[in-house]
N, C-alpha and C. Protein backbone atom coordinates (compact mmCIF):
# COMPACT_ATOMS: atom_id res chain seq x y z
N UNK A 1 -30.39 -14.89 -47.47
CA UNK A 1 -28.97 -14.78 -47.18
C UNK A 1 -28.73 -13.81 -46.03
N UNK A 2 -29.41 -12.66 -45.99
CA UNK A 2 -29.23 -11.67 -44.94
C UNK A 2 -29.63 -12.24 -43.59
N UNK A 3 -30.73 -12.97 -43.56
CA UNK A 3 -31.20 -13.53 -42.31
C UNK A 3 -30.24 -14.60 -41.80
N UNK A 4 -29.69 -15.41 -42.67
CA UNK A 4 -28.78 -16.45 -42.27
C UNK A 4 -27.50 -15.84 -41.67
N UNK A 5 -26.97 -14.79 -42.29
CA UNK A 5 -25.79 -14.12 -41.76
C UNK A 5 -26.09 -13.45 -40.43
N UNK A 6 -27.28 -12.87 -40.31
CA UNK A 6 -27.65 -12.24 -39.05
C UNK A 6 -27.76 -13.28 -37.94
N UNK A 7 -28.34 -14.40 -38.25
CA UNK A 7 -28.48 -15.46 -37.26
C UNK A 7 -27.11 -16.01 -36.88
N UNK A 8 -26.22 -16.19 -37.86
CA UNK A 8 -24.88 -16.69 -37.60
C UNK A 8 -24.09 -15.67 -36.76
N UNK A 9 -24.22 -14.39 -37.09
CA UNK A 9 -23.53 -13.34 -36.33
C UNK A 9 -24.03 -13.30 -34.89
N UNK A 10 -25.34 -13.42 -34.72
CA UNK A 10 -25.91 -13.42 -33.37
C UNK A 10 -25.43 -14.63 -32.57
N UNK A 11 -25.39 -15.80 -33.23
CA UNK A 11 -24.93 -17.01 -32.55
C UNK A 11 -23.47 -16.88 -32.15
N UNK A 12 -22.64 -16.33 -33.03
CA UNK A 12 -21.22 -16.13 -32.72
C UNK A 12 -21.05 -15.13 -31.57
N UNK A 13 -21.85 -14.09 -31.56
CA UNK A 13 -21.76 -13.09 -30.49
C UNK A 13 -22.11 -13.70 -29.14
N UNK A 14 -23.15 -14.55 -29.12
CA UNK A 14 -23.54 -15.20 -27.88
C UNK A 14 -22.44 -16.15 -27.42
N UNK A 15 -21.86 -16.91 -28.35
CA UNK A 15 -20.79 -17.83 -28.00
C UNK A 15 -19.57 -17.06 -27.48
N UNK A 16 -19.21 -15.96 -28.13
CA UNK A 16 -18.06 -15.17 -27.70
C UNK A 16 -18.30 -14.59 -26.32
N UNK A 17 -19.51 -14.11 -26.07
CA UNK A 17 -19.84 -13.58 -24.75
C UNK A 17 -19.76 -14.65 -23.68
N UNK A 18 -20.21 -15.85 -24.00
CA UNK A 18 -20.14 -16.96 -23.04
C UNK A 18 -18.70 -17.33 -22.74
N UNK A 19 -17.87 -17.33 -23.77
CA UNK A 19 -16.46 -17.65 -23.57
C UNK A 19 -15.80 -16.58 -22.73
N UNK A 20 -16.10 -15.32 -22.99
CA UNK A 20 -15.50 -14.24 -22.21
C UNK A 20 -15.91 -14.31 -20.75
N UNK A 21 -17.17 -14.69 -20.50
CA UNK A 21 -17.63 -14.79 -19.13
C UNK A 21 -17.00 -15.98 -18.41
N UNK A 22 -16.62 -17.01 -19.15
CA UNK A 22 -16.06 -18.20 -18.54
C UNK A 22 -14.57 -18.06 -18.22
N UNK A 23 -13.89 -17.08 -18.79
CA UNK A 23 -12.47 -16.90 -18.56
C UNK A 23 -12.29 -16.13 -17.24
N UNK A 24 -11.57 -16.70 -16.27
CA UNK A 24 -11.41 -16.00 -15.00
C UNK A 24 -10.48 -14.80 -15.15
N UNK A 25 -10.77 -13.77 -14.37
CA UNK A 25 -9.92 -12.58 -14.39
C UNK A 25 -8.61 -12.90 -13.70
N UNK A 26 -7.51 -12.36 -14.23
CA UNK A 26 -6.22 -12.58 -13.61
C UNK A 26 -5.83 -11.34 -12.83
N UNK A 27 -5.17 -11.53 -11.72
CA UNK A 27 -4.75 -10.41 -10.88
C UNK A 27 -3.52 -9.75 -11.48
N UNK A 28 -3.42 -8.46 -11.31
CA UNK A 28 -2.25 -7.70 -11.73
C UNK A 28 -1.09 -8.10 -10.82
N UNK A 29 0.02 -8.50 -11.41
CA UNK A 29 1.16 -8.98 -10.64
C UNK A 29 1.78 -7.89 -9.78
N UNK A 30 1.48 -6.63 -10.07
CA UNK A 30 2.11 -5.55 -9.31
C UNK A 30 1.31 -5.15 -8.07
N UNK A 31 0.15 -5.74 -7.84
CA UNK A 31 -0.64 -5.37 -6.69
C UNK A 31 -0.34 -6.29 -5.51
N UNK A 32 -0.67 -5.85 -4.34
CA UNK A 32 -0.44 -6.64 -3.15
C UNK A 32 -1.73 -6.74 -2.35
N UNK A 33 -1.88 -7.82 -1.64
CA UNK A 33 -3.07 -8.01 -0.80
C UNK A 33 -2.88 -7.37 0.56
N UNK A 34 -1.72 -6.79 0.81
CA UNK A 34 -1.45 -6.20 2.12
C UNK A 34 -2.07 -4.82 2.25
N UNK A 35 -2.57 -4.54 3.43
CA UNK A 35 -3.18 -3.26 3.77
C UNK A 35 -2.44 -2.69 4.98
N UNK A 36 -2.67 -1.42 5.31
CA UNK A 36 -2.06 -0.89 6.53
C UNK A 36 -2.46 -1.70 7.77
N UNK A 37 -3.68 -2.21 7.79
CA UNK A 37 -4.15 -2.99 8.93
C UNK A 37 -3.48 -4.37 8.96
N UNK A 38 -3.19 -4.94 7.82
CA UNK A 38 -2.45 -6.20 7.77
C UNK A 38 -1.05 -5.99 8.33
N UNK A 39 -0.42 -4.89 7.94
CA UNK A 39 0.95 -4.63 8.35
C UNK A 39 1.05 -4.18 9.81
N UNK A 40 0.17 -3.27 10.24
CA UNK A 40 0.26 -2.67 11.58
C UNK A 40 -0.56 -3.41 12.63
N UNK A 41 -1.72 -3.89 12.26
CA UNK A 41 -2.63 -4.55 13.19
C UNK A 41 -4.06 -4.11 12.94
N UNK A 42 -4.99 -4.96 13.25
CA UNK A 42 -6.39 -4.69 12.93
C UNK A 42 -6.98 -3.50 13.68
N UNK A 43 -6.38 -3.11 14.81
CA UNK A 43 -6.93 -1.99 15.57
C UNK A 43 -6.45 -0.63 15.05
N UNK A 44 -5.60 -0.62 14.04
CA UNK A 44 -5.03 0.63 13.52
C UNK A 44 -5.90 1.21 12.40
N UNK A 45 -6.27 2.47 12.57
CA UNK A 45 -7.06 3.19 11.56
C UNK A 45 -6.12 4.06 10.73
N UNK A 46 -6.34 4.10 9.43
CA UNK A 46 -5.50 4.90 8.54
C UNK A 46 -5.84 6.38 8.67
N UNK A 47 -4.81 7.20 8.91
CA UNK A 47 -4.98 8.65 9.03
C UNK A 47 -4.58 9.40 7.77
N UNK A 48 -3.53 8.92 7.10
CA UNK A 48 -2.98 9.64 5.95
C UNK A 48 -2.12 8.68 5.15
N UNK A 49 -1.81 9.07 3.91
CA UNK A 49 -0.92 8.26 3.08
C UNK A 49 -0.36 9.10 1.95
N UNK A 50 0.72 8.62 1.35
CA UNK A 50 1.27 9.22 0.13
C UNK A 50 2.09 8.17 -0.60
N UNK A 51 2.23 8.38 -1.91
CA UNK A 51 3.02 7.47 -2.73
C UNK A 51 4.46 7.93 -2.78
N UNK A 52 5.38 6.99 -2.75
CA UNK A 52 6.77 7.30 -2.98
C UNK A 52 6.97 7.58 -4.47
N UNK A 53 8.06 8.28 -4.85
CA UNK A 53 8.27 8.59 -6.27
C UNK A 53 8.17 7.35 -7.15
N UNK A 54 7.45 7.51 -8.24
CA UNK A 54 7.24 6.40 -9.16
C UNK A 54 6.10 5.48 -8.78
N UNK A 55 5.49 5.69 -7.61
CA UNK A 55 4.35 4.87 -7.20
C UNK A 55 4.71 3.44 -6.84
N UNK A 56 6.00 3.17 -6.60
CA UNK A 56 6.42 1.80 -6.33
C UNK A 56 6.01 1.31 -4.94
N UNK A 57 5.76 2.24 -4.02
CA UNK A 57 5.29 1.91 -2.67
C UNK A 57 4.39 3.04 -2.18
N UNK A 58 3.53 2.71 -1.23
CA UNK A 58 2.68 3.71 -0.58
C UNK A 58 2.99 3.69 0.91
N UNK A 59 3.13 4.89 1.49
CA UNK A 59 3.42 5.04 2.92
C UNK A 59 2.12 5.43 3.62
N UNK A 60 1.74 4.66 4.63
CA UNK A 60 0.50 4.88 5.36
C UNK A 60 0.81 5.23 6.81
N UNK A 61 0.14 6.25 7.34
CA UNK A 61 0.19 6.58 8.75
C UNK A 61 -1.10 6.08 9.38
N UNK A 62 -0.96 5.31 10.47
CA UNK A 62 -2.12 4.78 11.17
C UNK A 62 -2.01 5.07 12.66
N UNK A 63 -3.14 4.94 13.35
CA UNK A 63 -3.17 5.12 14.81
C UNK A 63 -4.14 4.13 15.42
N UNK A 64 -3.77 3.59 16.59
CA UNK A 64 -4.64 2.67 17.32
C UNK A 64 -5.01 3.27 18.66
N UNK A 65 -6.28 3.43 18.90
CA UNK A 65 -6.74 3.88 20.22
C UNK A 65 -6.50 2.78 21.25
N UNK A 66 -6.51 1.54 20.81
CA UNK A 66 -6.30 0.41 21.70
C UNK A 66 -4.89 0.43 22.28
N UNK A 67 -3.88 0.63 21.44
CA UNK A 67 -2.48 0.60 21.89
C UNK A 67 -1.95 1.99 22.24
N UNK A 68 -2.61 3.04 21.72
CA UNK A 68 -2.12 4.40 21.92
C UNK A 68 -0.89 4.73 21.09
N UNK A 69 -0.63 3.92 20.07
CA UNK A 69 0.57 4.11 19.25
C UNK A 69 0.20 4.47 17.81
N UNK A 70 1.14 5.16 17.17
CA UNK A 70 1.09 5.36 15.73
C UNK A 70 1.89 4.24 15.09
N UNK A 71 1.52 3.89 13.88
CA UNK A 71 2.28 2.94 13.08
C UNK A 71 2.37 3.51 11.67
N UNK A 72 3.54 3.43 11.08
CA UNK A 72 3.70 3.78 9.68
C UNK A 72 4.07 2.50 8.94
N UNK A 73 3.42 2.28 7.81
CA UNK A 73 3.70 1.10 6.99
C UNK A 73 4.01 1.55 5.57
N UNK A 74 5.16 1.15 5.07
CA UNK A 74 5.50 1.35 3.67
C UNK A 74 5.19 0.03 2.98
N UNK A 75 4.15 0.05 2.14
CA UNK A 75 3.69 -1.17 1.48
C UNK A 75 4.06 -1.11 0.01
N UNK A 76 4.74 -2.14 -0.45
CA UNK A 76 5.20 -2.19 -1.84
C UNK A 76 4.02 -2.39 -2.80
N UNK A 77 4.03 -1.64 -3.89
CA UNK A 77 3.04 -1.79 -4.95
C UNK A 77 3.60 -2.57 -6.13
N UNK A 78 4.91 -2.63 -6.24
CA UNK A 78 5.57 -3.37 -7.31
C UNK A 78 6.67 -4.24 -6.71
N UNK A 79 7.11 -5.20 -7.47
CA UNK A 79 8.15 -6.13 -7.03
C UNK A 79 7.78 -6.83 -5.73
N UNK A 80 6.48 -7.04 -5.53
CA UNK A 80 6.02 -7.73 -4.33
C UNK A 80 6.48 -9.18 -4.39
N UNK A 81 6.82 -9.71 -3.24
CA UNK A 81 7.31 -11.07 -3.16
C UNK A 81 8.82 -11.17 -3.35
N UNK A 82 9.44 -10.10 -3.79
CA UNK A 82 10.88 -10.06 -4.01
C UNK A 82 11.50 -9.14 -2.96
N UNK A 83 12.45 -9.63 -2.17
CA UNK A 83 13.08 -8.77 -1.17
C UNK A 83 13.83 -7.61 -1.83
N UNK A 84 13.41 -6.39 -1.50
CA UNK A 84 14.07 -5.17 -1.97
C UNK A 84 14.08 -4.17 -0.82
N UNK A 85 14.94 -3.17 -0.91
CA UNK A 85 15.05 -2.16 0.14
C UNK A 85 13.70 -1.50 0.37
N UNK A 86 13.22 -1.56 1.60
CA UNK A 86 11.93 -0.98 1.99
C UNK A 86 12.08 -0.47 3.42
N UNK A 87 11.59 0.76 3.68
CA UNK A 87 11.74 1.31 5.02
C UNK A 87 10.56 2.16 5.44
N UNK A 88 10.42 2.33 6.76
CA UNK A 88 9.36 3.15 7.35
C UNK A 88 9.95 3.83 8.58
N UNK A 89 9.51 5.07 8.87
CA UNK A 89 9.97 5.75 10.08
C UNK A 89 8.90 6.66 10.67
N UNK A 90 9.05 6.93 11.96
CA UNK A 90 8.24 7.88 12.72
C UNK A 90 9.18 8.62 13.67
N UNK A 91 8.97 9.92 13.83
CA UNK A 91 9.70 10.70 14.84
C UNK A 91 8.74 11.69 15.48
N UNK A 92 9.16 12.20 16.64
CA UNK A 92 8.42 13.30 17.25
C UNK A 92 8.62 14.54 16.39
N UNK A 93 7.75 15.53 16.56
CA UNK A 93 7.81 16.76 15.78
C UNK A 93 9.13 17.50 15.86
N UNK A 94 9.87 17.30 16.96
CA UNK A 94 11.17 17.97 17.08
C UNK A 94 12.30 17.13 16.47
N UNK A 95 11.95 16.00 15.87
CA UNK A 95 12.95 15.14 15.22
C UNK A 95 13.55 14.09 16.12
N UNK A 96 13.19 14.09 17.39
CA UNK A 96 13.76 13.09 18.32
C UNK A 96 12.91 11.82 18.32
N UNK A 97 13.46 10.80 18.98
CA UNK A 97 12.71 9.57 19.19
C UNK A 97 12.46 8.74 17.93
N UNK A 98 13.32 8.86 16.93
CA UNK A 98 13.09 8.18 15.66
C UNK A 98 12.99 6.67 15.84
N UNK A 99 11.92 6.13 15.29
CA UNK A 99 11.71 4.68 15.20
C UNK A 99 11.74 4.33 13.72
N UNK A 100 12.58 3.40 13.35
CA UNK A 100 12.82 3.11 11.93
C UNK A 100 12.92 1.62 11.69
N UNK A 101 12.45 1.21 10.55
CA UNK A 101 12.58 -0.16 10.08
C UNK A 101 13.05 -0.08 8.64
N UNK A 102 14.23 -0.57 8.34
CA UNK A 102 14.79 -0.54 6.99
C UNK A 102 15.47 -1.86 6.72
N UNK A 103 15.06 -2.51 5.65
CA UNK A 103 15.66 -3.79 5.29
C UNK A 103 15.18 -4.24 3.92
N UNK A 104 15.59 -5.42 3.54
CA UNK A 104 15.15 -6.01 2.28
C UNK A 104 13.91 -6.85 2.56
N UNK A 105 12.75 -6.25 2.27
CA UNK A 105 11.47 -6.88 2.56
C UNK A 105 10.72 -7.22 1.27
N UNK A 106 9.89 -8.25 1.37
CA UNK A 106 9.11 -8.69 0.21
C UNK A 106 7.80 -7.93 0.04
N UNK A 107 7.23 -7.41 1.14
CA UNK A 107 5.91 -6.79 1.05
C UNK A 107 5.80 -5.42 1.75
N UNK A 108 6.37 -5.27 2.95
CA UNK A 108 6.22 -4.01 3.66
C UNK A 108 7.23 -3.88 4.80
N UNK A 109 7.39 -2.64 5.26
CA UNK A 109 8.16 -2.33 6.47
C UNK A 109 7.26 -1.53 7.39
N UNK A 110 7.43 -1.68 8.70
CA UNK A 110 6.61 -0.94 9.66
C UNK A 110 7.47 -0.36 10.79
N UNK A 111 7.00 0.72 11.36
CA UNK A 111 7.62 1.31 12.55
C UNK A 111 6.50 1.83 13.45
N UNK A 112 6.70 1.75 14.76
CA UNK A 112 5.70 2.15 15.75
C UNK A 112 6.28 3.23 16.66
N UNK A 113 5.42 4.14 17.11
CA UNK A 113 5.84 5.19 18.04
C UNK A 113 4.65 5.62 18.89
N UNK A 114 4.85 5.63 20.20
CA UNK A 114 3.86 6.18 21.12
C UNK A 114 4.19 7.66 21.28
N UNK A 115 3.26 8.55 20.92
CA UNK A 115 3.54 9.99 20.93
C UNK A 115 2.38 10.79 21.51
N UNK A 116 1.94 10.47 22.73
CA UNK A 116 0.82 11.24 23.30
C UNK A 116 1.20 12.70 23.50
N UNK A 117 0.31 13.59 23.07
CA UNK A 117 0.53 15.03 23.22
C UNK A 117 1.61 15.60 22.31
N UNK A 118 2.02 14.85 21.30
CA UNK A 118 3.09 15.29 20.41
C UNK A 118 2.62 15.27 18.96
N UNK A 119 3.29 16.07 18.15
CA UNK A 119 3.12 16.00 16.70
C UNK A 119 4.21 15.07 16.17
N UNK A 120 3.96 14.47 15.01
CA UNK A 120 4.93 13.51 14.47
C UNK A 120 5.26 13.78 13.01
N UNK A 121 6.42 13.32 12.61
CA UNK A 121 6.82 13.17 11.22
C UNK A 121 6.70 11.69 10.89
N UNK A 122 6.38 11.39 9.65
CA UNK A 122 6.39 9.99 9.24
C UNK A 122 6.83 9.90 7.79
N UNK A 123 7.36 8.74 7.41
CA UNK A 123 7.79 8.59 6.03
C UNK A 123 8.28 7.20 5.73
N UNK A 124 8.81 7.08 4.53
CA UNK A 124 9.31 5.79 4.07
C UNK A 124 10.26 5.93 2.91
N UNK A 125 10.78 4.81 2.50
CA UNK A 125 11.65 4.75 1.33
C UNK A 125 11.58 3.35 0.75
N UNK A 126 11.99 3.24 -0.51
CA UNK A 126 12.08 1.93 -1.14
C UNK A 126 13.20 1.94 -2.17
N UNK A 127 13.34 0.82 -2.87
CA UNK A 127 14.42 0.63 -3.83
C UNK A 127 14.40 1.67 -4.95
N UNK A 128 13.26 2.30 -5.19
CA UNK A 128 13.13 3.26 -6.30
C UNK A 128 13.22 4.72 -5.84
N UNK A 129 12.94 4.99 -4.58
CA UNK A 129 12.83 6.38 -4.13
C UNK A 129 14.17 7.07 -3.92
N UNK A 130 15.23 6.30 -3.70
CA UNK A 130 16.56 6.87 -3.56
C UNK A 130 16.88 7.42 -2.19
N UNK A 131 15.90 7.85 -1.43
CA UNK A 131 16.13 8.42 -0.11
C UNK A 131 14.82 8.37 0.67
N UNK A 132 14.86 8.83 1.91
CA UNK A 132 13.66 8.90 2.73
C UNK A 132 12.77 10.03 2.24
N UNK A 133 11.47 9.80 2.22
CA UNK A 133 10.46 10.81 1.90
C UNK A 133 9.48 10.83 3.06
N UNK A 134 9.05 12.03 3.47
CA UNK A 134 8.18 12.09 4.62
C UNK A 134 7.22 13.26 4.62
N UNK A 135 6.40 13.29 5.65
CA UNK A 135 5.42 14.36 5.88
C UNK A 135 5.44 14.75 7.34
N UNK A 136 5.10 16.00 7.61
CA UNK A 136 4.98 16.41 9.00
C UNK A 136 5.72 17.70 9.26
N UNK A 137 5.76 18.18 10.49
CA UNK A 137 5.06 17.55 11.61
C UNK A 137 3.55 17.78 11.50
N UNK A 138 2.84 16.78 11.83
CA UNK A 138 1.38 16.83 11.78
C UNK A 138 0.83 15.75 12.69
N UNK A 139 -0.45 15.52 12.61
CA UNK A 139 -1.14 14.50 13.39
C UNK A 139 -0.77 14.59 14.86
N UNK A 140 -1.08 15.72 15.41
CA UNK A 140 -0.81 15.96 16.82
C UNK A 140 -1.88 15.29 17.66
N UNK A 141 -1.43 14.58 18.69
CA UNK A 141 -2.41 13.90 19.55
C UNK A 141 -2.46 14.53 20.92
C-alpha cells in the first residue's frame, strides 16, 4: 500500500510539474515595453531616473552624443494604453529655456533640450503625482 501511494504521488507530481511548465507566463498588465531609448531615440544613454509619487510613472534623463541634446522621458508604469495626463520637462540651471511636453498620453511624454556648458533641471508629472516633480540643477555638460 505504501509503495502504491508513493508511486501515485510521484506520478501526480510529475504530471503537475509538466502542466505548470506548459502554461505560458502572462505579462503584468501594469508594465510597459517602452524604454527611455524607445521614447527618446536609440542614441540616447540614460543618465538618471526617479519614480513619481506612487510609482505610477518613471522619469528618465538621457543624453545623446550624436545629437548633443538631453531628453527627458516620463514613462507610464500603470494605466498604459489609456490616455492620461503625462508630462516631461527640461530647463537650464537658471530656470530659463523650459522645454515641456504635457498631454493625455497612453505610454510616455518626452522633451528635448540642447544645453552645452550648462546644468539642467529635469522632471515630469502624471495623473497621480498632482504636480511637477523634478531634480537638479545637475548633469552639467
